[in-house]
Amino acid sequence: MIAELDSIDLYEQPAAVAGDENVKKVLLEVAREEKTHPGEFQTLLLKVDVKQVQELKREKRKSKS
């Protein structure tokens, strides 16, 4: 998942300094698409890793207190 988060930055950083609006638009669109990947990986992880599900529940309870 770290690689996916890095790839988002790799598109957003040049978009922030792009002088051409078309280039900026394309880079931001690709970054937006990349943002779905961490969620897809987490969904898969939660389907196959019971310990991860338990850990997330524990952390959620901890953050509420």
C-alpha atoms as a PDB file:
ATOM      1  CA  MET A   1       0.000   0.000   0.000  1.00  0.00           C
ATOM      2  CA  ILE A   2       2.937   2.310   0.564  1.00  0.00           C
ATOM      3  CA  ALA A   3       3.816   2.061  -3.123  1.00  0.00           C
ATOM      4  CA  GLU A   4       0.282   3.106  -4.026  1.00  0.00           C
ATOM      5  CA  LEU A   5       0.452   6.124  -1.720  1.00  0.00           C
ATOM      6  CA  ASP A   6       3.823   7.038  -3.208  1.00  0.00           C
ATOM      7  CA  SER A   7       2.394   6.837  -6.708  1.00  0.00           C
ATOM      8  CA  ILE A   8      -0.300   9.347  -5.751  1.00  0.00           C
ATOM      9  CA  ASP A   9       2.429  11.785  -4.720  1.00  0.00           C
ATOM     10  CA  LEU A  10       4.334  11.101  -7.932  1.00  0.00           C
ATOM     11  CA  TYR A  11       1.374  12.446  -9.905  1.00  0.00           C
ATOM     12  CA  GLU A  12       0.264  15.217  -7.554  1.00  0.00           C
ATOM     13  CA  GLN A  13       3.691  16.822  -7.156  1.00  0.00           C
ATOM     14  CA  PRO A  14       4.280  17.589 -10.836  1.00  0.00           C
ATOM     15  CA  ALA A  15       0.629  18.590 -11.185  1.00  0.00           C
ATOM     16  CA  ALA A  16       1.183  21.243  -8.522  1.00  0.00           C
ATOM     17  CA  VAL A  17       3.897  22.904 -10.601  1.00  0.00           C
ATOM     18  CA  ALA A  18       2.624  22.144 -14.097  1.00  0.00           C
ATOM     19  CA  GLY A  19       2.342  25.249 -16.210  1.00  0.00           C
ATOM     20  CA  ASP A  20       0.087  23.614 -18.765  1.00  0.00           C
ATOM     21  CA  GLU A  21      -3.486  23.165 -17.549  1.00  0.00           C
ATOM     22  CA  ASN A  22      -4.017  20.078 -19.727  1.00  0.00           C
ATOM     23  CA  VAL A  23      -0.959  18.399 -18.220  1.00  0.00           C
ATOM     24  CA  LYS A  24      -2.125  19.354 -14.737  1.00  0.00           C
ATOM     25  CA  LYS A  25      -5.607  17.997 -15.423  1.00  0.00           C
ATOM     26  CA  VAL A  26      -4.290  14.639 -16.658  1.00  0.00           C
ATOM     27  CA  LEU A  27      -1.868  14.255 -13.747  1.00  0.00           C
ATOM     28  CA  LEU A  28      -4.586  15.011 -11.205  1.00  0.00           C
ATOM     29  CA  GLU A  29      -6.975  12.585 -12.890  1.00  0.00           C
ATOM     30  CA  VAL A  30      -4.378   9.812 -12.736  1.00  0.00           C
ATOM     31  CA  ALA A  31      -3.697  10.677  -9.077  1.00  0.00           C
ATOM     32  CA  ARG A  32      -7.435  10.479  -8.366  1.00  0.00           C
ATOM     33  CA  GLU A  33      -7.575   7.034  -9.946  1.00  0.00           C
ATOM     34  CA  GLU A  34      -4.546   5.935  -7.927  1.00  0.00           C
ATOM     35  CA  LYS A  35      -6.346   6.936  -4.726  1.00  0.00           C
ATOM     36  CA  THR A  36      -8.802   4.082  -5.177  1.00  0.00           C
ATOM     37  CA  HIS A  37      -6.060   1.451  -5.011  1.00  0.00           C
ATOM     38  CA  PRO A  38      -5.224   1.673  -1.276  1.00  0.00           C
ATOM     39  CA  GLY A  39      -8.910   1.182  -0.496  1.00  0.00           C
ATOM     40  CA  GLU A  40      -9.077  -1.813  -2.800  1.00  0.00           C
ATOM     41  CA  PHE A  41      -6.044  -3.361  -1.131  1.00  0.00           C
ATOM     42  CA  GLN A  42      -7.451  -2.713   2.335  1.00  0.00           C
ATOM     43  CA  THR A  43     -10.761  -4.305   1.362  1.00  0.00           C
ATOM     44  CA  LEU A  44      -8.913  -7.377   0.127  1.00  0.00           C
ATOM     45  CA  LEU A  45      -6.724  -7.476   3.227  1.00  0.00           C
ATOM     46  CA  LEU A  46      -9.755  -7.377   5.496  1.00  0.00           C
ATOM     47  CA  LYS A  47     -11.278 -10.301   3.610  1.00  0.00           C
ATOM     48  CA  VAL A  48      -8.233 -12.546   3.990  1.00  0.00           C
ATOM     49  CA  ASP A  49      -6.528 -11.462   7.231  1.00  0.00           C
ATOM     50  CA  VAL A  50      -8.575 -12.049  10.386  1.00  0.00           C
ATOM     51  CA  LYS A  51      -5.799 -10.684  12.606  1.00  0.00           C
ATOM     52  CA  GLN A  52      -5.820  -7.403  10.696  1.00  0.00           C
ATOM     53  CA  VAL A  53      -9.579  -7.097  11.197  1.00  0.00           C
ATOM     54  CA  GLN A  54      -9.135  -7.646  14.929  1.00  0.00           C
ATOM     55  CA  GLU A  55      -6.317  -5.094  15.072  1.00  0.00           C
ATOM     56  CA  LEU A  56      -8.395  -2.450  13.305  1.00  0.00           C
ATOM     57  CA  LYS A  57     -11.318  -3.062  15.670  1.00  0.00           C
ATOM     58  CA  ARG A  58      -8.984  -2.762  18.662  1.00  0.00           C
ATOM     59  CA  GLU A  59      -7.501   0.489  17.372  1.00  0.00           C
ATOM     60  CA  LYS A  60     -10.952   1.873  16.647  1.00  0.00           C
ATOM     61  CA  ARG A  61     -12.085   1.178  20.208  1.00  0.00           C
ATOM     62  CA  LYS A  62      -8.874   2.707  21.530  1.00  0.00           C
ATOM     63  CA  SER A  63      -9.326   5.896  19.523  1.00  0.00           C
ATOM     64  CA  LYS A  64     -12.875   6.372  20.846  1.00  0.00           C
ATOM     65  CA  SER A  65     -11.692   6.452  24.458  1.00  0.00           C
END
